[in-house]
Amino acid sequence: MTIAPQAPTALRFLSLEITGRCQLTCPALCYAASGPTRDHGGMSEDDWNRTIDEAAGLGAEEIQLIGGEPTLHPAFARMVRRAVDAGLRVRVYSNLLRVRAEHWRLLEHPGVRLATTYHSSVAAEHDAVTGRAGSHQATRANIIEAIRRGIRLKVAVLDGGDHERAERARAEMQALGVHEVHVSQVRAVGNAAGAAVPSISSLCGRCGDRKAAVLPDGSMSVCEMGRFLTAGSVKEASLASVLAGNRWAEVTASIARRAGAAPCPPDCAPNDDSSCGPDNSGPCGPADDG
């Protein structure tokens, strides 16, 4: 018996992990195990452009460019413009270690948002997390510059068990003028998992719920943190066909929807409504329409 293809799953947010390369290693933390020796993956610029266009055609409202460090990809700026021209909002998730003048201009576009992660108000603690001396000074300076330029910025603070450190970091960001600061739990994925096998129990349960992620090799996953749950490849098939496939349905159905669970870092997007303000510690809801 032939099984009729399903309609594509509704898509609101698509995260594009365009590179595995990053100036930092975050040896005990990075969910993607990114680093300076990693490459940009098997997706060509044309592949990424096609995926962006297909996402817009499926009704997506926002895409996120992430890595690794997305600004290291040679086609980063062109991808941002492609998405904006397609009518999509764009979120750039950067470590803010280095920001080129061209990229500041892109980030100032009203259709582009910026997000980053800040680990500690103490430079040595932050640098220990990233694995790079001087990263605290550079990231903090670029956070201040983003605020000066009026760029919409969201900062995630990862709480790996030192709650006081996380709260000090959040307070510092608020004092600097960051209006969107979100404290997130560290999940046992990537470097944070150590030798353990990633488990669905590590996820918040929102994975695949009107959102998806594309990894550097084109594999489709339910989200960045759920990268071990893949179903098809947009390098080999269309975005719509992957979302309509039986494997995608099986993978998303395997994830328990846990009411009240804290959202996964780095963002558990879309989650930019008022419930995700600096003073909120609970789970976030759907994205705003602004």
C-alpha atoms as a PDB file:
ATOM      1  CA  MET A   1       0.000   0.000   0.000  1.00  0.00           C
ATOM      2  CA  THR A   2       1.321   3.441  -0.903  1.00  0.00           C
ATOM      3  CA  ILE A   3       1.298   5.983   1.907  1.00  0.00           C
ATOM      4  CA  ALA A   4       0.260   9.438   0.773  1.00  0.00           C
ATOM      5  CA  PRO A   5       2.751  12.159   1.674  1.00  0.00           C
ATOM      6  CA  GLN A   6       1.817  14.290   4.658  1.00  0.00           C
ATOM      7  CA  ALA A   7       1.430  18.049   4.572  1.00  0.00           C
ATOM      8  CA  PRO A   8       4.587  19.812   5.770  1.00  0.00           C
ATOM      9  CA  THR A   9       4.684  20.558   9.479  1.00  0.00           C
ATOM     10  CA  ALA A  10       3.839  24.201  10.194  1.00  0.00           C
ATOM     11  CA  LEU A  11       7.088  26.143  10.373  1.00  0.00           C
ATOM     12  CA  ARG A  12       7.527  29.430  12.176  1.00  0.00           C
ATOM     13  CA  PHE A  13      11.213  29.511  13.047  1.00  0.00           C
ATOM     14  CA  LEU A  14      14.214  27.902  11.354  1.00  0.00           C
ATOM     15  CA  SER A  15      17.701  27.895  12.799  1.00  0.00           C
ATOM     16  CA  LEU A  16      20.540  27.573  10.309  1.00  0.00           C
ATOM     17  CA  GLU A  17      23.801  26.344  11.803  1.00  0.00           C
ATOM     18  CA  ILE A  18      25.903  27.569   8.918  1.00  0.00           C
ATOM     19  CA  THR A  19      29.325  26.616  10.277  1.00  0.00           C
ATOM     20  CA  GLY A  20      31.068  24.536  12.881  1.00  0.00           C
ATOM     21  CA  ARG A  21      33.979  26.969  13.035  1.00  0.00           C
ATOM     22  CA  CYS A  22      34.367  29.210  16.055  1.00  0.00           C
ATOM     23  CA  GLN A  23      37.200  31.176  17.634  1.00  0.00           C
ATOM     24  CA  LEU A  24      36.211  29.665  20.996  1.00  0.00           C
ATOM     25  CA  THR A  25      36.098  26.063  22.176  1.00  0.00           C
ATOM     26  CA  CYS A  26      33.908  26.263  25.314  1.00  0.00           C
ATOM     27  CA  PRO A  27      35.478  22.930  26.325  1.00  0.00           C
ATOM     28  CA  ALA A  28      32.882  21.978  28.917  1.00  0.00           C
ATOM     29  CA  LEU A  29      29.875  23.714  27.445  1.00  0.00           C
ATOM     30  CA  CYS A  30      29.478  24.015  23.653  1.00  0.00           C
ATOM     31  CA  TYR A  31      26.409  22.048  22.543  1.00  0.00           C
ATOM     32  CA  ALA A  32      27.797  21.870  18.989  1.00  0.00           C
ATOM     33  CA  ALA A  33      31.394  21.005  19.921  1.00  0.00           C
ATOM     34  CA  SER A  34      32.498  23.853  17.635  1.00  0.00           C
ATOM     35  CA  GLY A  35      36.032  25.224  17.468  1.00  0.00           C
ATOM     36  CA  PRO A  36      38.817  26.811  15.414  1.00  0.00           C
ATOM     37  CA  THR A  37      39.616  23.591  13.544  1.00  0.00           C
ATOM     38  CA  ARG A  38      36.060  22.842  12.444  1.00  0.00           C
ATOM     39  CA  ASP A  39      34.910  23.638   8.900  1.00  0.00           C
ATOM     40  CA  HIS A  40      31.800  25.185   7.382  1.00  0.00           C
ATOM     41  CA  GLY A  41      30.214  21.841   6.561  1.00  0.00           C
ATOM     42  CA  GLY A  42      28.861  20.387   3.359  1.00  0.00           C
ATOM     43  CA  MET A  43      26.183  22.955   2.514  1.00  0.00           C
ATOM     44  CA  SER A  44      27.062  25.323  -0.316  1.00  0.00           C
ATOM     45  CA  GLU A  45      25.920  28.934  -0.404  1.00  0.00           C
ATOM     46  CA  ASP A  46      23.328  27.938  -2.993  1.00  0.00           C
ATOM     47  CA  ASP A  47      22.052  25.211  -0.657  1.00  0.00           C
ATOM     48  CA  TRP A  48      21.633  27.702   2.166  1.00  0.00           C
ATOM     49  CA  ASN A  49      19.954  30.236  -0.126  1.00  0.00           C
ATOM     50  CA  ARG A  50      17.499  27.634  -1.370  1.00  0.00           C
ATOM     51  CA  THR A  51      16.699  26.652   2.208  1.00  0.00           C
ATOM     52  CA  ILE A  52      16.104  30.291   3.170  1.00  0.00           C
ATOM     53  CA  ASP A  53      13.778  30.783   0.192  1.00  0.00           C
ATOM     54  CA  GLU A  54      11.897  27.556   0.967  1.00  0.00           C
ATOM     55  CA  ALA A  55      11.467  28.564   4.603  1.00  0.00           C
ATOM     56  CA  ALA A  56       9.913  31.851   3.535  1.00  0.00           C
ATOM     57  CA  GLY A  57       7.659  29.991   1.109  1.00  0.00           C
ATOM     58  CA  LEU A  58       6.470  27.683   3.902  1.00  0.00           C
ATOM     59  CA  GLY A  59       5.388  30.633   6.017  1.00  0.00           C
ATOM     60  CA  ALA A  60       8.330  30.884   8.386  1.00  0.00           C
ATOM     61  CA  GLU A  61       8.552  34.248  10.113  1.00  0.00           C
ATOM     62  CA  GLU A  62      12.105  34.185  11.360  1.00  0.00           C
ATOM     63  CA  ILE A  63      15.404  32.450  10.799  1.00  0.00           C
ATOM     64  CA  GLN A  64      18.413  32.314  13.061  1.00  0.00           C
ATOM     65  CA  LEU A  65      21.987  32.176  11.816  1.00  0.00           C
ATOM     66  CA  ILE A  66      24.142  30.335  14.305  1.00  0.00           C
ATOM     67  CA  GLY A  67      27.245  28.169  14.475  1.00  0.00           C
ATOM     68  CA  GLY A  68      29.936  27.870  15.505  1.00  0.00           C
ATOM     69  CA  GLU A  69      30.344  31.554  14.934  1.00  0.00           C
ATOM     70  CA  PRO A  70      28.101  32.450  11.952  1.00  0.00           C
ATOM     71  CA  THR A  71      29.992  35.625  11.048  1.00  0.00           C
ATOM     72  CA  LEU A  72      33.003  33.462  10.130  1.00  0.00           C
ATOM     73  CA  HIS A  73      31.146  31.961   7.173  1.00  0.00           C
ATOM     74  CA  PRO A  74      32.246  33.740   3.967  1.00  0.00           C
ATOM     75  CA  ALA A  75      28.630  34.085   2.803  1.00  0.00           C
ATOM     76  CA  PHE A  76      27.237  35.283   6.137  1.00  0.00           C
ATOM     77  CA  ALA A  77      26.408  38.834   5.048  1.00  0.00           C
ATOM     78  CA  ARG A  78      24.838  37.663   1.803  1.00  0.00           C
ATOM     79  CA  MET A  79      22.660  35.157   3.672  1.00  0.00           C
ATOM     80  CA  VAL A  80      21.409  37.861   6.022  1.00  0.00           C
ATOM     81  CA  ARG A  81      20.470  40.074   3.083  1.00  0.00           C
ATOM     82  CA  ARG A  82      18.841  37.132   1.282  1.00  0.00           C
ATOM     83  CA  ALA A  83      16.632  36.387   4.273  1.00  0.00           C
ATOM     84  CA  VAL A  84      15.682  40.031   4.845  1.00  0.00           C
ATOM     85  CA  ASP A  85      14.825  40.423   1.155  1.00  0.00           C
ATOM     86  CA  ALA A  86      12.631  37.312   1.441  1.00  0.00           C
ATOM     87  CA  GLY A  87      10.615  39.048   4.161  1.00  0.00           C
ATOM     88  CA  LEU A  88      12.031  37.072   7.066  1.00  0.00           C
ATOM     89  CA  ARG A  89      13.146  38.426  10.397  1.00  0.00           C
ATOM     90  CA  VAL A  90      16.730  37.413  11.074  1.00  0.00           C
ATOM     91  CA  ARG A  91      18.367  36.644  14.384  1.00  0.00           C
ATOM     92  CA  VAL A  92      22.148  36.413  14.451  1.00  0.00           C
ATOM     93  CA  TYR A  93      23.535  34.395  17.358  1.00  0.00           C
ATOM     94  CA  SER A  94      27.144  35.509  17.724  1.00  0.00           C
ATOM     95  CA  ASN A  95      29.821  35.194  20.395  1.00  0.00           C
ATOM     96  CA  LEU A  96      30.584  38.892  19.706  1.00  0.00           C
ATOM     97  CA  LEU A  97      34.307  38.260  19.939  1.00  0.00           C
ATOM     98  CA  ARG A  98      34.943  40.172  16.715  1.00  0.00           C
ATOM     99  CA  VAL A  99      32.474  42.308  14.751  1.00  0.00           C
ATOM    100  CA  ARG A 100      33.427  43.711  11.355  1.00  0.00           C
ATOM    101  CA  ALA A 101      32.210  47.163  10.323  1.00  0.00           C
ATOM    102  CA  GLU A 102      30.111  45.585   7.557  1.00  0.00           C
ATOM    103  CA  HIS A 103      28.435  43.333  10.091  1.00  0.00           C
ATOM    104  CA  TRP A 104      27.579  46.203  12.433  1.00  0.00           C
ATOM    105  CA  ARG A 105      25.734  47.822   9.540  1.00  0.00           C
ATOM    106  CA  LEU A 106      23.806  44.601   8.918  1.00  0.00           C
ATOM    107  CA  LEU A 107      22.902  44.268  12.589  1.00  0.00           C
ATOM    108  CA  GLU A 108      21.481  47.789  12.582  1.00  0.00           C
ATOM    109  CA  HIS A 109      18.845  46.790  10.021  1.00  0.00           C
ATOM    110  CA  PRO A 110      15.356  46.863  11.626  1.00  0.00           C
ATOM    111  CA  GLY A 111      14.675  43.326  10.426  1.00  0.00           C
ATOM    112  CA  VAL A 112      17.761  41.905  12.137  1.00  0.00           C
ATOM    113  CA  ARG A 113      18.192  41.006  15.801  1.00  0.00           C
ATOM    114  CA  LEU A 114      21.282  40.024  17.715  1.00  0.00           C
ATOM    115  CA  ALA A 115      21.808  37.442  20.438  1.00  0.00           C
ATOM    116  CA  THR A 116      24.863  36.384  22.404  1.00  0.00           C
ATOM    117  CA  THR A 117      25.921  34.448  25.478  1.00  0.00           C
ATOM    118  CA  TYR A 118      27.590  35.988  28.504  1.00  0.00           C
ATOM    119  CA  HIS A 119      29.107  33.651  31.066  1.00  0.00           C
ATOM    120  CA  SER A 120      30.275  35.747  33.987  1.00  0.00           C
ATOM    121  CA  SER A 121      30.874  39.270  35.219  1.00  0.00           C
ATOM    122  CA  VAL A 122      34.349  38.069  36.234  1.00  0.00           C
ATOM    123  CA  ALA A 123      36.704  38.050  33.255  1.00  0.00           C
ATOM    124  CA  ALA A 124      38.710  35.017  34.343  1.00  0.00           C
ATOM    125  CA  GLU A 125      35.537  32.955  34.839  1.00  0.00           C
ATOM    126  CA  HIS A 126      34.137  33.919  31.449  1.00  0.00           C
ATOM    127  CA  ASP A 127      37.448  33.188  29.724  1.00  0.00           C
ATOM    128  CA  ALA A 128      37.674  29.804  31.430  1.00  0.00           C
ATOM    129  CA  VAL A 129      34.281  28.854  29.988  1.00  0.00           C
ATOM    130  CA  THR A 130      35.149  29.949  26.448  1.00  0.00           C
ATOM    131  CA  GLY A 131      38.683  28.575  26.510  1.00  0.00           C
ATOM    132  CA  ARG A 132      40.118  31.864  25.252  1.00  0.00           C
ATOM    133  CA  ALA A 133      41.842  34.602  27.226  1.00  0.00           C
ATOM    134  CA  GLY A 134      40.456  38.040  26.480  1.00  0.00           C
ATOM    135  CA  SER A 135      37.080  36.796  25.281  1.00  0.00           C
ATOM    136  CA  HIS A 136      35.259  38.443  28.200  1.00  0.00           C
ATOM    137  CA  GLN A 137      36.718  41.851  27.461  1.00  0.00           C
ATOM    138  CA  ALA A 138      35.923  41.588  23.736  1.00  0.00           C
ATOM    139  CA  THR A 139      32.386  40.273  24.124  1.00  0.00           C
ATOM    140  CA  ARG A 140      31.487  42.757  26.854  1.00  0.00           C
ATOM    141  CA  ALA A 141      32.845  45.664  24.777  1.00  0.00           C
ATOM    142  CA  ASN A 142      30.794  44.590  21.761  1.00  0.00           C
ATOM    143  CA  ILE A 143      27.669  44.217  23.905  1.00  0.00           C
ATOM    144  CA  ILE A 144      28.170  47.826  24.968  1.00  0.00           C
ATOM    145  CA  GLU A 145      28.712  48.852  21.345  1.00  0.00           C
ATOM    146  CA  ALA A 146      25.518  47.072  20.254  1.00  0.00           C
ATOM    147  CA  ILE A 147      23.567  48.958  22.920  1.00  0.00           C
ATOM    148  CA  ARG A 148      25.158  52.231  21.817  1.00  0.00           C
ATOM    149  CA  ARG A 149      24.071  51.563  18.253  1.00  0.00           C
ATOM    150  CA  GLY A 150      20.490  50.821  19.312  1.00  0.00           C
ATOM    151  CA  ILE A 151      20.657  47.218  18.103  1.00  0.00           C
ATOM    152  CA  ARG A 152      18.027  44.913  19.535  1.00  0.00           C
ATOM    153  CA  LEU A 153      20.051  42.520  21.666  1.00  0.00           C
ATOM    154  CA  LYS A 154      19.220  39.439  23.683  1.00  0.00           C
ATOM    155  CA  VAL A 155      21.753  37.958  26.090  1.00  0.00           C
ATOM    156  CA  ALA A 156      21.649  34.403  27.399  1.00  0.00           C
ATOM    157  CA  VAL A 157      23.403  33.582  30.650  1.00  0.00           C
ATOM    158  CA  LEU A 158      24.061  29.874  31.099  1.00  0.00           C
ATOM    159  CA  ASP A 159      23.606  28.511  34.593  1.00  0.00           C
ATOM    160  CA  GLY A 160      25.766  25.438  35.039  1.00  0.00           C
ATOM    161  CA  GLY A 161      25.060  25.151  38.749  1.00  0.00           C
ATOM    162  CA  ASP A 162      26.631  28.361  40.066  1.00  0.00           C
ATOM    163  CA  HIS A 163      23.397  30.297  40.455  1.00  0.00           C
ATOM    164  CA  GLU A 164      25.007  33.293  42.139  1.00  0.00           C
ATOM    165  CA  ARG A 165      27.430  33.730  39.249  1.00  0.00           C
ATOM    166  CA  ALA A 166      24.557  33.556  36.750  1.00  0.00           C
ATOM    167  CA  GLU A 167      22.548  36.126  38.672  1.00  0.00           C
ATOM    168  CA  ARG A 168      25.541  38.479  38.915  1.00  0.00           C
ATOM    169  CA  ALA A 169      26.032  38.209  35.167  1.00  0.00           C
ATOM    170  CA  ARG A 170      22.360  38.907  34.529  1.00  0.00           C
ATOM    171  CA  ALA A 171      22.420  41.920  36.852  1.00  0.00           C
ATOM    172  CA  GLU A 172      25.476  43.302  35.073  1.00  0.00           C
ATOM    173  CA  MET A 173      23.816  42.989  31.671  1.00  0.00           C
ATOM    174  CA  GLN A 174      20.717  44.771  32.924  1.00  0.00           C
ATOM    175  CA  ALA A 175      22.850  47.532  34.425  1.00  0.00           C
ATOM    176  CA  LEU A 176      24.559  47.992  31.051  1.00  0.00           C
ATOM    177  CA  GLY A 177      21.165  48.490  29.412  1.00  0.00           C
ATOM    178  CA  VAL A 178      20.382  45.062  27.944  1.00  0.00           C
ATOM    179  CA  HIS A 179      16.596  44.742  28.158  1.00  0.00           C
ATOM    180  CA  GLU A 180      16.382  41.067  27.219  1.00  0.00           C
ATOM    181  CA  VAL A 181      18.457  38.844  29.509  1.00  0.00           C
ATOM    182  CA  HIS A 182      17.574  35.204  29.901  1.00  0.00           C
ATOM    183  CA  VAL A 183      19.145  32.725  32.335  1.00  0.00           C
ATOM    184  CA  SER A 184      19.175  29.220  30.851  1.00  0.00           C
ATOM    185  CA  GLN A 185      20.099  25.824  32.203  1.00  0.00           C
ATOM    186  CA  VAL A 186      23.080  24.000  30.737  1.00  0.00           C
ATOM    187  CA  ARG A 187      21.873  20.869  28.935  1.00  0.00           C
ATOM    188  CA  ALA A 188      23.818  17.621  28.666  1.00  0.00           C
ATOM    189  CA  VAL A 189      24.464  17.989  24.939  1.00  0.00           C
ATOM    190  CA  GLY A 190      27.754  18.334  23.044  1.00  0.00           C
ATOM    191  CA  ASN A 191      30.730  19.196  25.225  1.00  0.00           C
ATOM    192  CA  ALA A 192      28.462  19.534  28.255  1.00  0.00           C
ATOM    193  CA  ALA A 193      27.472  15.866  27.935  1.00  0.00           C
ATOM    194  CA  GLY A 194      31.022  14.645  28.421  1.00  0.00           C
ATOM    195  CA  ALA A 195      31.130  10.932  27.679  1.00  0.00           C
ATOM    196  CA  ALA A 196      27.381  10.502  28.178  1.00  0.00           C
ATOM    197  CA  VAL A 197      25.040   9.755  25.273  1.00  0.00           C
ATOM    198  CA  PRO A 198      22.638  12.686  24.641  1.00  0.00           C
ATOM    199  CA  SER A 199      19.118  11.935  25.773  1.00  0.00           C
ATOM    200  CA  ILE A 200      15.674  13.335  25.067  1.00  0.00           C
ATOM    201  CA  SER A 201      15.409  13.860  28.822  1.00  0.00           C
ATOM    202  CA  SER A 202      17.954  16.696  28.436  1.00  0.00           C
ATOM    203  CA  LEU A 203      15.548  18.686  26.234  1.00  0.00           C
ATOM    204  CA  CYS A 204      12.808  21.093  27.246  1.00  0.00           C
ATOM    205  CA  GLY A 205      10.185  19.437  25.052  1.00  0.00           C
ATOM    206  CA  ARG A 206       9.596  22.283  22.602  1.00  0.00           C
ATOM    207  CA  CYS A 207      11.822  20.728  19.936  1.00  0.00           C
ATOM    208  CA  GLY A 208      10.239  20.509  16.504  1.00  0.00           C
ATOM    209  CA  ASP A 209       7.229  22.546  17.606  1.00  0.00           C
ATOM    210  CA  ARG A 210       6.854  24.822  14.568  1.00  0.00           C
ATOM    211  CA  LYS A 211      10.614  25.104  14.484  1.00  0.00           C
ATOM    212  CA  ALA A 212      13.578  23.151  13.200  1.00  0.00           C
ATOM    213  CA  ALA A 213      17.316  23.432  12.717  1.00  0.00           C
ATOM    214  CA  VAL A 214      19.585  22.691   9.789  1.00  0.00           C
ATOM    215  CA  LEU A 215      23.089  21.544  10.706  1.00  0.00           C
ATOM    216  CA  PRO A 216      26.251  22.371   8.704  1.00  0.00           C
ATOM    217  CA  ASP A 217      26.049  19.138   6.687  1.00  0.00           C
ATOM    218  CA  GLY A 218      22.418  19.793   5.755  1.00  0.00           C
ATOM    219  CA  SER A 219      20.907  17.371   8.265  1.00  0.00           C
ATOM    220  CA  MET A 220      17.578  18.510   9.655  1.00  0.00           C
ATOM    221  CA  SER A 221      17.152  18.335  13.426  1.00  0.00           C
ATOM    222  CA  VAL A 222      14.356  19.279  15.777  1.00  0.00           C
ATOM    223  CA  CYS A 223      16.481  22.109  17.240  1.00  0.00           C
ATOM    224  CA  GLU A 224      20.115  22.932  17.933  1.00  0.00           C
ATOM    225  CA  MET A 225      20.083  21.228  21.322  1.00  0.00           C
ATOM    226  CA  GLY A 226      18.278  18.217  19.880  1.00  0.00           C
ATOM    227  CA  ARG A 227      20.896  17.828  17.157  1.00  0.00           C
ATOM    228  CA  PHE A 228      21.100  14.103  17.813  1.00  0.00           C
ATOM    229  CA  LEU A 229      17.489  13.803  16.583  1.00  0.00           C
ATOM    230  CA  THR A 230      17.701  14.190  12.809  1.00  0.00           C
ATOM    231  CA  ALA A 231      15.316  13.348  10.001  1.00  0.00           C
ATOM    232  CA  GLY A 232      16.526  13.796   6.447  1.00  0.00           C
ATOM    233  CA  SER A 233      18.722  16.368   4.770  1.00  0.00           C
ATOM    234  CA  VAL A 234      17.871  19.604   2.990  1.00  0.00           C
ATOM    235  CA  LYS A 235      20.973  19.120   0.872  1.00  0.00           C
ATOM    236  CA  GLU A 236      19.377  16.026  -0.622  1.00  0.00           C
ATOM    237  CA  ALA A 237      15.693  17.007  -0.530  1.00  0.00           C
ATOM    238  CA  SER A 238      13.492  20.062  -0.164  1.00  0.00           C
ATOM    239  CA  LEU A 239      12.687  21.531   3.216  1.00  0.00           C
ATOM    240  CA  ALA A 240       9.009  20.810   2.636  1.00  0.00           C
ATOM    241  CA  SER A 241       9.611  17.145   1.857  1.00  0.00           C
ATOM    242  CA  VAL A 242      11.686  16.639   4.998  1.00  0.00           C
ATOM    243  CA  LEU A 243       9.011  18.285   7.151  1.00  0.00           C
ATOM    244  CA  ALA A 244       6.307  16.169   5.479  1.00  0.00           C
ATOM    245  CA  GLY A 245       8.250  12.926   5.856  1.00  0.00           C
ATOM    246  CA  ASN A 246       7.299  10.070   8.109  1.00  0.00           C
ATOM    247  CA  ARG A 247      10.706  10.193   9.789  1.00  0.00           C
ATOM    248  CA  TRP A 248      10.169  13.821  10.862  1.00  0.00           C
ATOM    249  CA  ALA A 249       6.782  12.885  12.290  1.00  0.00           C
ATOM    250  CA  GLU A 250       8.320   9.975  14.193  1.00  0.00           C
ATOM    251  CA  VAL A 251      11.157  12.049  15.637  1.00  0.00           C
ATOM    252  CA  THR A 252       8.964  14.922  16.795  1.00  0.00           C
ATOM    253  CA  ALA A 253       6.439  12.492  18.284  1.00  0.00           C
ATOM    254  CA  SER A 254       9.215  10.912  20.348  1.00  0.00           C
ATOM    255  CA  ILE A 255       9.810  14.122  22.298  1.00  0.00           C
ATOM    256  CA  ALA A 256       7.743  14.436  25.454  1.00  0.00           C
ATOM    257  CA  ARG A 257       6.038  17.802  25.785  1.00  0.00           C
ATOM    258  CA  ARG A 258       6.874  18.771  29.346  1.00  0.00           C
ATOM    259  CA  ALA A 259       4.697  21.566  30.699  1.00  0.00           C
ATOM    260  CA  GLY A 260       6.633  24.060  32.773  1.00  0.00           C
ATOM    261  CA  ALA A 261      10.072  22.894  31.683  1.00  0.00           C
ATOM    262  CA  ALA A 262      12.679  25.634  31.398  1.00  0.00           C
ATOM    263  CA  PRO A 263      13.538  26.443  27.765  1.00  0.00           C
ATOM    264  CA  CYS A 264      16.771  25.108  26.302  1.00  0.00           C
ATOM    265  CA  PRO A 265      19.652  27.451  25.591  1.00  0.00           C
ATOM    266  CA  PRO A 266      20.770  29.151  23.525  1.00  0.00           C
ATOM    267  CA  ASP A 267      17.289  30.485  22.943  1.00  0.00           C
ATOM    268  CA  CYS A 268      14.505  27.934  22.533  1.00  0.00           C
ATOM    269  CA  ALA A 269      13.150  30.294  19.915  1.00  0.00           C
ATOM    270  CA  PRO A 270      10.678  31.552  19.090  1.00  0.00           C
ATOM    271  CA  ASN A 271      10.291  33.047  22.541  1.00  0.00           C
ATOM    272  CA  ASP A 272      10.468  36.819  22.298  1.00  0.00           C
ATOM    273  CA  ASP A 273       7.193  37.835  23.893  1.00  0.00           C
ATOM    274  CA  SER A 274       6.857  39.848  27.081  1.00  0.00           C
ATOM    275  CA  SER A 275       7.025  36.721  29.236  1.00  0.00           C
ATOM    276  CA  CYS A 276      10.711  36.464  28.328  1.00  0.00           C
ATOM    277  CA  GLY A 277      11.745  39.742  29.865  1.00  0.00           C
ATOM    278  CA  PRO A 278      14.749  40.118  32.143  1.00  0.00           C
ATOM    279  CA  ASP A 279      12.790  39.339  35.293  1.00  0.00           C
ATOM    280  CA  ASN A 280      11.156  36.198  33.979  1.00  0.00           C
ATOM    281  CA  SER A 281      12.580  32.839  34.996  1.00  0.00           C
ATOM    282  CA  GLY A 282       9.821  30.649  33.603  1.00  0.00           C
ATOM    283  CA  PRO A 283       9.315  29.085  30.194  1.00  0.00           C
ATOM    284  CA  CYS A 284       8.826  31.370  27.223  1.00  0.00           C
ATOM    285  CA  GLY A 285       5.936  31.503  24.811  1.00  0.00           C
ATOM    286  CA  PRO A 286       5.649  32.138  21.070  1.00  0.00           C
ATOM    287  CA  ALA A 287       7.529  34.841  19.247  1.00  0.00           C
ATOM    288  CA  ASP A 288       6.224  38.343  18.978  1.00  0.00           C
ATOM    289  CA  ASP A 289       4.975  39.718  15.709  1.00  0.00           C
ATOM    290  CA  GLY A 290       6.942  42.924  15.812  1.00  0.00           C
END
